[in-house]
Amino acid sequence: MVRPAERRGLVRWLIDQKQISQRKACRWVGLSRNAFREPVAIKDKDKALASRIEQLARRHKQWGVLKIYRRLRKQGELVNHKRVRRLYRRLGLSLRRKTKKRLRDAVRKPLPKASACNQCWSLDFTCDSLTGGRKFRTLNVVDDYNREALGIEVDYSLPALRVTRLLNQLVERYGKPERLRSDNGPEFISQALQDWCKEESVELCWIEPGKPTQNAYIERFNGTFRREVLDAHIFTSIRQVRSVVNEWLVEYNTERPHQALQFMTPVEYRQAA
């Protein structure tokens, strides 16, 4: 996602190098002329904090001002959230707001909330392509209670036996869940997964077809995973995908504050529970 500060730089380049008007350059880039105006100079006493804010924003391109503020506080910065927000806006780092599509009111069933770890794990697949055009898949497993990403399996093909193998690894590391929640994909309704759940005394819950909101925790995670990993990188090999995913997995669980967890990380929330 391109931030307004980067858009202003592109407008300046179009004006200087292509010799076109400011109005036309702003229209091409999709930036208003008011937003193109130079921001007010930052005071000397705020330059160190502004540099730290910009550094975090460049590293975590999908983090908004609240996540950056919480991260600064955890790193020992005794700053006021209003000051951080003011500098964040002055630096032109604000993310573009996504407009939500209005849907007709419908009867909604609240998603059952887990009250402890290992009560319910959610599973789902995502997919993407390498630069050569070959597609790969990822199997994502999330604990509903603390939103912790327990594991992400990456490969060109992930049949049902690979699903059970990953679950065995996660059970050895985190313990056995009471139930699994997934959609009706062929890997999840396979006899292999049903046999595994029967042997391990784990309840297997399938959502209704065409209702992904019944698996909202993993759907929310998939959106974050796609924005911060799949859409943010150009992958040339499956080895590179695994390396990037493993690094991001550690960052997601141990560094990234989660708003639904009172801005604690998943690991911190599990430890506090």
C-alpha atoms as a PDB file:
ATOM      1  CA  MET A   1       0.000   0.000   0.000  1.00  0.00           C
ATOM      2  CA  VAL A   2       1.377   3.408  -1.054  1.00  0.00           C
ATOM      3  CA  ARG A   3       1.314   6.024   1.706  1.00  0.00           C
ATOM      4  CA  PRO A   4       0.603   9.734   1.032  1.00  0.00           C
ATOM      5  CA  ALA A   5       4.277  10.638   1.637  1.00  0.00           C
ATOM      6  CA  GLU A   6       5.306   8.298  -1.188  1.00  0.00           C
ATOM      7  CA  ARG A   7       2.576   9.712  -3.431  1.00  0.00           C
ATOM      8  CA  ARG A   8       3.866  13.243  -2.841  1.00  0.00           C
ATOM      9  CA  GLY A   9       7.324  12.129  -3.920  1.00  0.00           C
ATOM     10  CA  LEU A  10       5.873  10.671  -7.116  1.00  0.00           C
ATOM     11  CA  VAL A  11       3.978  13.914  -7.834  1.00  0.00           C
ATOM     12  CA  ARG A  12       7.187  15.930  -7.384  1.00  0.00           C
ATOM     13  CA  TRP A  13       8.991  13.588  -9.792  1.00  0.00           C
ATOM     14  CA  LEU A  14       6.269  13.985 -12.423  1.00  0.00           C
ATOM     15  CA  ILE A  15       6.377  17.769 -12.108  1.00  0.00           C
ATOM     16  CA  ASP A  16      10.185  18.019 -12.211  1.00  0.00           C
ATOM     17  CA  GLN A  17      11.001  15.294 -14.735  1.00  0.00           C
ATOM     18  CA  LYS A  18       7.943  15.184 -16.986  1.00  0.00           C
ATOM     19  CA  GLN A  19       7.184  18.926 -16.840  1.00  0.00           C
ATOM     20  CA  ILE A  20       3.460  18.484 -16.266  1.00  0.00           C
ATOM     21  CA  SER A  21       1.174  20.610 -14.149  1.00  0.00           C
ATOM     22  CA  GLN A  22       0.603  19.987 -10.465  1.00  0.00           C
ATOM     23  CA  ARG A  23      -3.107  19.493 -11.068  1.00  0.00           C
ATOM     24  CA  LYS A  24      -2.553  16.791 -13.671  1.00  0.00           C
ATOM     25  CA  ALA A  25       0.201  15.050 -11.658  1.00  0.00           C
ATOM     26  CA  CYS A  26      -2.027  14.876  -8.578  1.00  0.00           C
ATOM     27  CA  ARG A  27      -4.879  13.489 -10.652  1.00  0.00           C
ATOM     28  CA  TRP A  28      -2.669  10.792 -12.181  1.00  0.00           C
ATOM     29  CA  VAL A  29      -1.295   9.703  -8.805  1.00  0.00           C
ATOM     30  CA  GLY A  30      -4.664   9.885  -7.063  1.00  0.00           C
ATOM     31  CA  LEU A  31      -3.645  12.545  -4.528  1.00  0.00           C
ATOM     32  CA  SER A  32      -5.562  15.708  -3.733  1.00  0.00           C
ATOM     33  CA  ARG A  33      -3.757  19.026  -4.177  1.00  0.00           C
ATOM     34  CA  ASN A  34      -4.350  19.842  -0.519  1.00  0.00           C
ATOM     35  CA  ALA A  35      -2.614  16.615   0.505  1.00  0.00           C
ATOM     36  CA  PHE A  36       0.302  17.491  -1.794  1.00  0.00           C
ATOM     37  CA  ARG A  37       1.131  20.627   0.152  1.00  0.00           C
ATOM     38  CA  GLU A  38       4.303  20.393   2.209  1.00  0.00           C
ATOM     39  CA  PRO A  39       3.609  19.389   5.839  1.00  0.00           C
ATOM     40  CA  VAL A  40       4.464  21.747   8.672  1.00  0.00           C
ATOM     41  CA  ALA A  41       8.080  21.444   9.770  1.00  0.00           C
ATOM     42  CA  ILE A  42       8.655  19.150  12.747  1.00  0.00           C
ATOM     43  CA  LYS A  43      10.151  20.768  15.833  1.00  0.00           C
ATOM     44  CA  ASP A  44      13.636  19.790  16.966  1.00  0.00           C
ATOM     45  CA  LYS A  45      12.339  18.204  20.184  1.00  0.00           C
ATOM     46  CA  ASP A  46      10.063  15.897  18.144  1.00  0.00           C
ATOM     47  CA  LYS A  47      12.563  14.843  15.468  1.00  0.00           C
ATOM     48  CA  ALA A  48      13.885  11.802  17.359  1.00  0.00           C
ATOM     49  CA  LEU A  49      10.370  10.488  18.015  1.00  0.00           C
ATOM     50  CA  ALA A  50       9.271  11.263  14.465  1.00  0.00           C
ATOM     51  CA  SER A  51      12.239   9.286  13.138  1.00  0.00           C
ATOM     52  CA  ARG A  52      11.300   6.329  15.339  1.00  0.00           C
ATOM     53  CA  ILE A  53       7.674   6.483  14.178  1.00  0.00           C
ATOM     54  CA  GLU A  54       8.716   6.607  10.531  1.00  0.00           C
ATOM     55  CA  GLN A  55      11.101   3.686  11.043  1.00  0.00           C
ATOM     56  CA  LEU A  56       8.308   1.518  12.460  1.00  0.00           C
ATOM     57  CA  ALA A  57       5.901   2.580   9.713  1.00  0.00           C
ATOM     58  CA  ARG A  58       8.412   1.682   6.998  1.00  0.00           C
ATOM     59  CA  ARG A  59       9.102  -1.707   8.557  1.00  0.00           C
ATOM     60  CA  HIS A  60       5.441  -2.550   9.225  1.00  0.00           C
ATOM     61  CA  LYS A  61       3.642  -1.050   6.239  1.00  0.00           C
ATOM     62  CA  GLN A  62       0.210  -2.284   7.345  1.00  0.00           C
ATOM     63  CA  TRP A  63       0.420  -0.993  10.927  1.00  0.00           C
ATOM     64  CA  GLY A  64      -1.703   2.008  11.817  1.00  0.00           C
ATOM     65  CA  VAL A  65      -1.040   4.667  14.427  1.00  0.00           C
ATOM     66  CA  LEU A  66      -2.490   2.644  17.332  1.00  0.00           C
ATOM     67  CA  LYS A  67      -0.213  -0.348  16.750  1.00  0.00           C
ATOM     68  CA  ILE A  68       2.813   1.941  16.370  1.00  0.00           C
ATOM     69  CA  TYR A  69       1.910   3.785  19.586  1.00  0.00           C
ATOM     70  CA  ARG A  70       1.564   0.512  21.527  1.00  0.00           C
ATOM     71  CA  ARG A  71       4.850  -0.724  20.097  1.00  0.00           C
ATOM     72  CA  LEU A  72       6.623   2.457  21.219  1.00  0.00           C
ATOM     73  CA  ARG A  73       5.206   2.099  24.725  1.00  0.00           C
ATOM     74  CA  LYS A  74       6.390  -1.501  24.964  1.00  0.00           C
ATOM     75  CA  GLN A  75       9.861  -0.395  23.908  1.00  0.00           C
ATOM     76  CA  GLY A  76       9.994   2.074  26.801  1.00  0.00           C
ATOM     77  CA  GLU A  77       9.010   5.282  24.989  1.00  0.00           C
ATOM     78  CA  LEU A  78       6.964   7.358  27.478  1.00  0.00           C
ATOM     79  CA  VAL A  79       4.911   9.183  24.857  1.00  0.00           C
ATOM     80  CA  ASN A  80       1.363  10.490  24.697  1.00  0.00           C
ATOM     81  CA  HIS A  81      -0.902   8.956  22.044  1.00  0.00           C
ATOM     82  CA  LYS A  82      -1.984  12.423  20.853  1.00  0.00           C
ATOM     83  CA  ARG A  83       1.620  13.401  20.200  1.00  0.00           C
ATOM     84  CA  VAL A  84       2.249  10.175  18.293  1.00  0.00           C
ATOM     85  CA  ARG A  85      -0.887  10.673  16.205  1.00  0.00           C
ATOM     86  CA  ARG A  86       0.046  14.285  15.413  1.00  0.00           C
ATOM     87  CA  LEU A  87       3.525  13.320  14.228  1.00  0.00           C
ATOM     88  CA  TYR A  88       2.172  10.295  12.377  1.00  0.00           C
ATOM     89  CA  ARG A  89      -0.172  12.486  10.363  1.00  0.00           C
ATOM     90  CA  ARG A  90       2.429  15.198   9.826  1.00  0.00           C
ATOM     91  CA  LEU A  91       4.786  12.627   8.333  1.00  0.00           C
ATOM     92  CA  GLY A  92       2.069  11.619   5.884  1.00  0.00           C
ATOM     93  CA  LEU A  93       2.018   8.007   7.049  1.00  0.00           C
ATOM     94  CA  SER A  94      -1.746   7.568   7.392  1.00  0.00           C
ATOM     95  CA  LEU A  95      -3.108   4.491   5.666  1.00  0.00           C
ATOM     96  CA  ARG A  96      -5.929   4.829   3.170  1.00  0.00           C
ATOM     97  CA  ARG A  97      -9.315   3.958   4.598  1.00  0.00           C
ATOM     98  CA  LYS A  98     -11.199   1.161   2.895  1.00  0.00           C
ATOM     99  CA  THR A  99     -14.854   1.836   2.245  1.00  0.00           C
ATOM    100  CA  LYS A 100     -17.106  -0.986   3.382  1.00  0.00           C
ATOM    101  CA  LYS A 101     -19.833  -2.300   1.134  1.00  0.00           C
ATOM    102  CA  ARG A 102     -23.266  -1.905   2.673  1.00  0.00           C
ATOM    103  CA  LEU A 103     -25.095  -5.205   2.955  1.00  0.00           C
ATOM    104  CA  ARG A 104     -28.705  -5.930   3.713  1.00  0.00           C
ATOM    105  CA  ASP A 105     -29.522  -6.637   7.327  1.00  0.00           C
ATOM    106  CA  ALA A 106     -29.614 -10.337   8.020  1.00  0.00           C
ATOM    107  CA  VAL A 107     -30.046 -12.554  11.027  1.00  0.00           C
ATOM    108  CA  ARG A 108     -26.563 -13.169  12.369  1.00  0.00           C
ATOM    109  CA  LYS A 109     -25.535 -15.879  14.758  1.00  0.00           C
ATOM    110  CA  PRO A 110     -22.785 -14.811  17.158  1.00  0.00           C
ATOM    111  CA  LEU A 111     -19.574 -16.801  16.757  1.00  0.00           C
ATOM    112  CA  PRO A 112     -18.926 -18.840  19.928  1.00  0.00           C
ATOM    113  CA  LYS A 113     -15.968 -17.451  21.839  1.00  0.00           C
ATOM    114  CA  ALA A 114     -13.334 -19.706  23.327  1.00  0.00           C
ATOM    115  CA  SER A 115     -12.602 -19.111  27.005  1.00  0.00           C
ATOM    116  CA  ALA A 116      -9.213 -20.850  27.106  1.00  0.00           C
ATOM    117  CA  CYS A 117      -6.404 -22.002  24.861  1.00  0.00           C
ATOM    118  CA  ASN A 118      -6.899 -25.238  22.911  1.00  0.00           C
ATOM    119  CA  GLN A 119     -10.684 -25.084  23.109  1.00  0.00           C
ATOM    120  CA  CYS A 120     -10.995 -24.470  19.366  1.00  0.00           C
ATOM    121  CA  TRP A 121      -8.500 -24.295  16.505  1.00  0.00           C
ATOM    122  CA  SER A 122      -9.500 -22.815  13.148  1.00  0.00           C
ATOM    123  CA  LEU A 123      -8.032 -24.059   9.868  1.00  0.00           C
ATOM    124  CA  ASP A 124      -8.061 -22.661   6.342  1.00  0.00           C
ATOM    125  CA  PHE A 125      -6.026 -22.473   3.133  1.00  0.00           C
ATOM    126  CA  THR A 126      -4.629 -19.501   1.227  1.00  0.00           C
ATOM    127  CA  CYS A 127      -2.865 -19.558  -2.134  1.00  0.00           C
ATOM    128  CA  ASP A 128      -0.524 -17.421  -4.221  1.00  0.00           C
ATOM    129  CA  SER A 129       1.900 -17.743  -7.151  1.00  0.00           C
ATOM    130  CA  LEU A 130       5.665 -17.577  -7.649  1.00  0.00           C
ATOM    131  CA  THR A 131       7.179 -15.289 -10.275  1.00  0.00           C
ATOM    132  CA  GLY A 132       7.399 -18.273 -12.622  1.00  0.00           C
ATOM    133  CA  GLY A 133       3.634 -18.718 -12.461  1.00  0.00           C
ATOM    134  CA  ARG A 134       3.569 -21.880 -10.348  1.00  0.00           C
ATOM    135  CA  LYS A 135       0.974 -21.743  -7.580  1.00  0.00           C
ATOM    136  CA  PHE A 136       1.559 -22.674  -3.952  1.00  0.00           C
ATOM    137  CA  ARG A 137      -0.730 -23.087  -0.962  1.00  0.00           C
ATOM    138  CA  THR A 138      -0.502 -22.388   2.740  1.00  0.00           C
ATOM    139  CA  LEU A 139      -2.384 -24.183   5.501  1.00  0.00           C
ATOM    140  CA  ASN A 140      -3.021 -21.791   8.402  1.00  0.00           C
ATOM    141  CA  VAL A 141      -3.948 -22.916  11.922  1.00  0.00           C
ATOM    142  CA  VAL A 142      -5.066 -20.375  14.544  1.00  0.00           C
ATOM    143  CA  ASP A 143      -6.107 -20.732  18.185  1.00  0.00           C
ATOM    144  CA  ASP A 144      -9.428 -18.878  18.530  1.00  0.00           C
ATOM    145  CA  TYR A 145      -8.794 -17.848  22.136  1.00  0.00           C
ATOM    146  CA  ASN A 146      -5.630 -15.775  21.809  1.00  0.00           C
ATOM    147  CA  ARG A 147      -5.528 -15.506  17.975  1.00  0.00           C
ATOM    148  CA  GLU A 148      -2.104 -17.164  17.991  1.00  0.00           C
ATOM    149  CA  ALA A 149      -0.936 -18.516  14.648  1.00  0.00           C
ATOM    150  CA  LEU A 150       0.038 -22.022  15.725  1.00  0.00           C
ATOM    151  CA  GLY A 151       1.492 -23.058  12.393  1.00  0.00           C
ATOM    152  CA  ILE A 152       1.611 -22.335   8.667  1.00  0.00           C
ATOM    153  CA  GLU A 153       2.445 -25.161   6.266  1.00  0.00           C
ATOM    154  CA  VAL A 154       3.691 -24.095   2.812  1.00  0.00           C
ATOM    155  CA  ASP A 155       3.942 -26.288  -0.294  1.00  0.00           C
ATOM    156  CA  TYR A 156       2.736 -26.722  -3.853  1.00  0.00           C
ATOM    157  CA  SER A 157       0.227 -29.358  -2.754  1.00  0.00           C
ATOM    158  CA  LEU A 158      -1.247 -29.946   0.713  1.00  0.00           C
ATOM    159  CA  PRO A 159      -3.418 -33.083   0.751  1.00  0.00           C
ATOM    160  CA  ALA A 160      -5.260 -34.391   3.790  1.00  0.00           C
ATOM    161  CA  LEU A 161      -2.256 -36.374   5.048  1.00  0.00           C
ATOM    162  CA  ARG A 162      -0.216 -33.172   5.205  1.00  0.00           C
ATOM    163  CA  VAL A 163      -3.022 -31.601   7.240  1.00  0.00           C
ATOM    164  CA  THR A 164      -2.927 -34.419   9.813  1.00  0.00           C
ATOM    165  CA  ARG A 165       0.866 -34.322   9.896  1.00  0.00           C
ATOM    166  CA  LEU A 166       0.851 -30.627  10.766  1.00  0.00           C
ATOM    167  CA  LEU A 167      -1.812 -31.217  13.408  1.00  0.00           C
ATOM    168  CA  ASN A 168       0.325 -33.946  15.010  1.00  0.00           C
ATOM    169  CA  GLN A 169       3.255 -31.508  15.199  1.00  0.00           C
ATOM    170  CA  LEU A 170       1.073 -28.813  16.762  1.00  0.00           C
ATOM    171  CA  VAL A 171      -0.426 -31.239  19.300  1.00  0.00           C
ATOM    172  CA  GLU A 172       3.083 -32.188  20.449  1.00  0.00           C
ATOM    173  CA  ARG A 173       3.959 -28.499  20.871  1.00  0.00           C
ATOM    174  CA  TYR A 174       0.758 -26.965  22.267  1.00  0.00           C
ATOM    175  CA  GLY A 175      -1.399 -29.850  23.433  1.00  0.00           C
ATOM    176  CA  LYS A 176      -4.588 -31.319  21.974  1.00  0.00           C
ATOM    177  CA  PRO A 177      -7.527 -29.068  21.022  1.00  0.00           C
ATOM    178  CA  GLU A 178     -11.092 -29.870  21.994  1.00  0.00           C
ATOM    179  CA  ARG A 179     -12.413 -29.159  18.493  1.00  0.00           C
ATOM    180  CA  LEU A 180     -11.375 -28.044  15.010  1.00  0.00           C
ATOM    181  CA  ARG A 181     -13.351 -25.577  12.885  1.00  0.00           C
ATOM    182  CA  SER A 182     -12.975 -25.460   9.090  1.00  0.00           C
ATOM    183  CA  ASP A 183     -14.879 -25.016   5.862  1.00  0.00           C
ATOM    184  CA  ASN A 184     -16.040 -27.847   3.619  1.00  0.00           C
ATOM    185  CA  GLY A 185     -12.899 -28.152   1.502  1.00  0.00           C
ATOM    186  CA  PRO A 186     -11.954 -31.653   0.283  1.00  0.00           C
ATOM    187  CA  GLU A 187      -8.985 -31.861   2.660  1.00  0.00           C
ATOM    188  CA  PHE A 188     -11.163 -31.038   5.672  1.00  0.00           C
ATOM    189  CA  ILE A 189     -14.025 -33.441   4.889  1.00  0.00           C
ATOM    190  CA  SER A 190     -11.615 -36.244   3.969  1.00  0.00           C
ATOM    191  CA  GLN A 191     -11.731 -39.591   5.710  1.00  0.00           C
ATOM    192  CA  ALA A 192      -8.108 -39.154   6.792  1.00  0.00           C
ATOM    193  CA  LEU A 193      -8.898 -36.067   8.885  1.00  0.00           C
ATOM    194  CA  GLN A 194     -12.075 -37.620  10.270  1.00  0.00           C
ATOM    195  CA  ASP A 195     -10.125 -40.714  11.339  1.00  0.00           C
ATOM    196  CA  TRP A 196      -7.479 -38.529  12.995  1.00  0.00           C
ATOM    197  CA  CYS A 197     -10.102 -36.604  14.965  1.00  0.00           C
ATOM    198  CA  LYS A 198     -11.754 -39.854  16.040  1.00  0.00           C
ATOM    199  CA  GLU A 199      -8.453 -41.318  17.247  1.00  0.00           C
ATOM    200  CA  GLU A 200      -7.521 -38.131  19.110  1.00  0.00           C
ATOM    201  CA  SER A 201     -11.061 -37.558  20.485  1.00  0.00           C
ATOM    202  CA  VAL A 202     -11.248 -34.144  18.801  1.00  0.00           C
ATOM    203  CA  GLU A 203     -14.558 -32.743  17.602  1.00  0.00           C
ATOM    204  CA  LEU A 204     -14.527 -31.745  13.931  1.00  0.00           C
ATOM    205  CA  CYS A 205     -16.871 -28.813  13.154  1.00  0.00           C
ATOM    206  CA  TRP A 206     -17.656 -27.720   9.600  1.00  0.00           C
ATOM    207  CA  ILE A 207     -19.183 -24.348   8.825  1.00  0.00           C
ATOM    208  CA  GLU A 208     -22.200 -24.053   6.540  1.00  0.00           C
ATOM    209  CA  PRO A 209     -21.288 -23.793   2.839  1.00  0.00           C
ATOM    210  CA  GLY A 210     -21.020 -20.198   1.626  1.00  0.00           C
ATOM    211  CA  LYS A 211     -20.849 -18.696   5.144  1.00  0.00           C
ATOM    212  CA  PRO A 212     -17.202 -17.814   5.878  1.00  0.00           C
ATOM    213  CA  THR A 213     -18.307 -15.558   8.756  1.00  0.00           C
ATOM    214  CA  GLN A 214     -18.852 -18.735  10.757  1.00  0.00           C
ATOM    215  CA  ASN A 215     -15.078 -19.139  10.636  1.00  0.00           C
ATOM    216  CA  ALA A 216     -14.349 -15.455  11.198  1.00  0.00           C
ATOM    217  CA  TYR A 217     -11.189 -15.808  13.303  1.00  0.00           C
ATOM    218  CA  ILE A 218      -9.210 -17.580  10.588  1.00  0.00           C
ATOM    219  CA  GLU A 219     -10.716 -15.361   7.887  1.00  0.00           C
ATOM    220  CA  ARG A 220      -9.493 -12.297   9.783  1.00  0.00           C
ATOM    221  CA  PHE A 221      -6.065 -13.854  10.114  1.00  0.00           C
ATOM    222  CA  ASN A 222      -5.984 -14.732   6.409  1.00  0.00           C
ATOM    223  CA  GLY A 223      -6.598 -11.075   5.521  1.00  0.00           C
ATOM    224  CA  THR A 224      -3.686  -9.927   7.678  1.00  0.00           C
ATOM    225  CA  PHE A 225      -1.475 -12.719   6.341  1.00  0.00           C
ATOM    226  CA  ARG A 226      -2.252 -11.810   2.732  1.00  0.00           C
ATOM    227  CA  ARG A 227      -1.657  -8.064   3.212  1.00  0.00           C
ATOM    228  CA  GLU A 228       1.554  -8.354   5.217  1.00  0.00           C
ATOM    229  CA  VAL A 229       3.126 -11.397   3.526  1.00  0.00           C
ATOM    230  CA  LEU A 230       1.632 -12.639   0.260  1.00  0.00           C
ATOM    231  CA  ASP A 231       0.837  -9.221  -1.242  1.00  0.00           C
ATOM    232  CA  ALA A 232       3.922  -7.544   0.224  1.00  0.00           C
ATOM    233  CA  HIS A 233       6.545  -9.826  -1.370  1.00  0.00           C
ATOM    234  CA  ILE A 234       7.472 -11.161  -4.783  1.00  0.00           C
ATOM    235  CA  PHE A 235       8.405 -14.818  -4.332  1.00  0.00           C
ATOM    236  CA  THR A 236      10.772 -16.641  -6.659  1.00  0.00           C
ATOM    237  CA  SER A 237      10.973 -20.016  -4.889  1.00  0.00           C
ATOM    238  CA  ILE A 238       9.103 -22.090  -2.331  1.00  0.00           C
ATOM    239  CA  ARG A 239      12.158 -21.908  -0.069  1.00  0.00           C
ATOM    240  CA  GLN A 240      11.894 -18.112  -0.009  1.00  0.00           C
ATOM    241  CA  VAL A 241       8.191 -18.348   0.848  1.00  0.00           C
ATOM    242  CA  ARG A 242       8.902 -20.629   3.817  1.00  0.00           C
ATOM    243  CA  SER A 243      11.679 -18.357   5.082  1.00  0.00           C
ATOM    244  CA  VAL A 244       9.539 -15.204   4.907  1.00  0.00           C
ATOM    245  CA  VAL A 245       6.520 -16.945   6.451  1.00  0.00           C
ATOM    246  CA  ASN A 246       8.544 -18.334   9.376  1.00  0.00           C
ATOM    247  CA  GLU A 247      10.057 -14.912  10.157  1.00  0.00           C
ATOM    248  CA  TRP A 248       6.655 -13.224   9.952  1.00  0.00           C
ATOM    249  CA  LEU A 249       5.073 -15.921  12.137  1.00  0.00           C
ATOM    250  CA  VAL A 250       7.443 -15.120  14.992  1.00  0.00           C
ATOM    251  CA  GLU A 251       6.819 -11.391  14.574  1.00  0.00           C
ATOM    252  CA  TYR A 252       3.027 -11.864  14.479  1.00  0.00           C
ATOM    253  CA  ASN A 253       2.928 -13.931  17.658  1.00  0.00           C
ATOM    254  CA  THR A 254       5.516 -12.049  19.720  1.00  0.00           C
ATOM    255  CA  GLU A 255       5.652  -8.432  18.468  1.00  0.00           C
ATOM    256  CA  ARG A 256       2.449  -7.432  16.685  1.00  0.00           C
ATOM    257  CA  PRO A 257      -0.120  -5.938  19.128  1.00  0.00           C
ATOM    258  CA  HIS A 258      -3.665  -7.206  18.598  1.00  0.00           C
ATOM    259  CA  GLN A 259      -6.552  -4.833  19.197  1.00  0.00           C
ATOM    260  CA  ALA A 260      -8.958  -7.621  20.187  1.00  0.00           C
ATOM    261  CA  LEU A 261      -6.458  -8.722  22.867  1.00  0.00           C
ATOM    262  CA  GLN A 262      -6.239  -5.278  24.518  1.00  0.00           C
ATOM    263  CA  PHE A 263      -3.187  -4.562  22.344  1.00  0.00           C
ATOM    264  CA  MET A 264      -1.245  -7.510  23.729  1.00  0.00           C
ATOM    265  CA  THR A 265       0.496  -9.954  21.437  1.00  0.00           C
ATOM    266  CA  PRO A 266      -0.956 -13.490  21.182  1.00  0.00           C
ATOM    267  CA  VAL A 267       1.909 -14.921  23.251  1.00  0.00           C
ATOM    268  CA  GLU A 268       1.503 -12.246  25.950  1.00  0.00           C
ATOM    269  CA  TYR A 269      -2.238 -12.919  26.103  1.00  0.00           C
ATOM    270  CA  ARG A 270      -1.666 -16.655  26.479  1.00  0.00           C
ATOM    271  CA  GLN A 271       0.875 -16.077  29.241  1.00  0.00           C
ATOM    272  CA  ALA A 272      -1.439 -13.636  31.041  1.00  0.00           C
ATOM    273  CA  ALA A 273      -4.261 -16.218  30.935  1.00  0.00           C
END
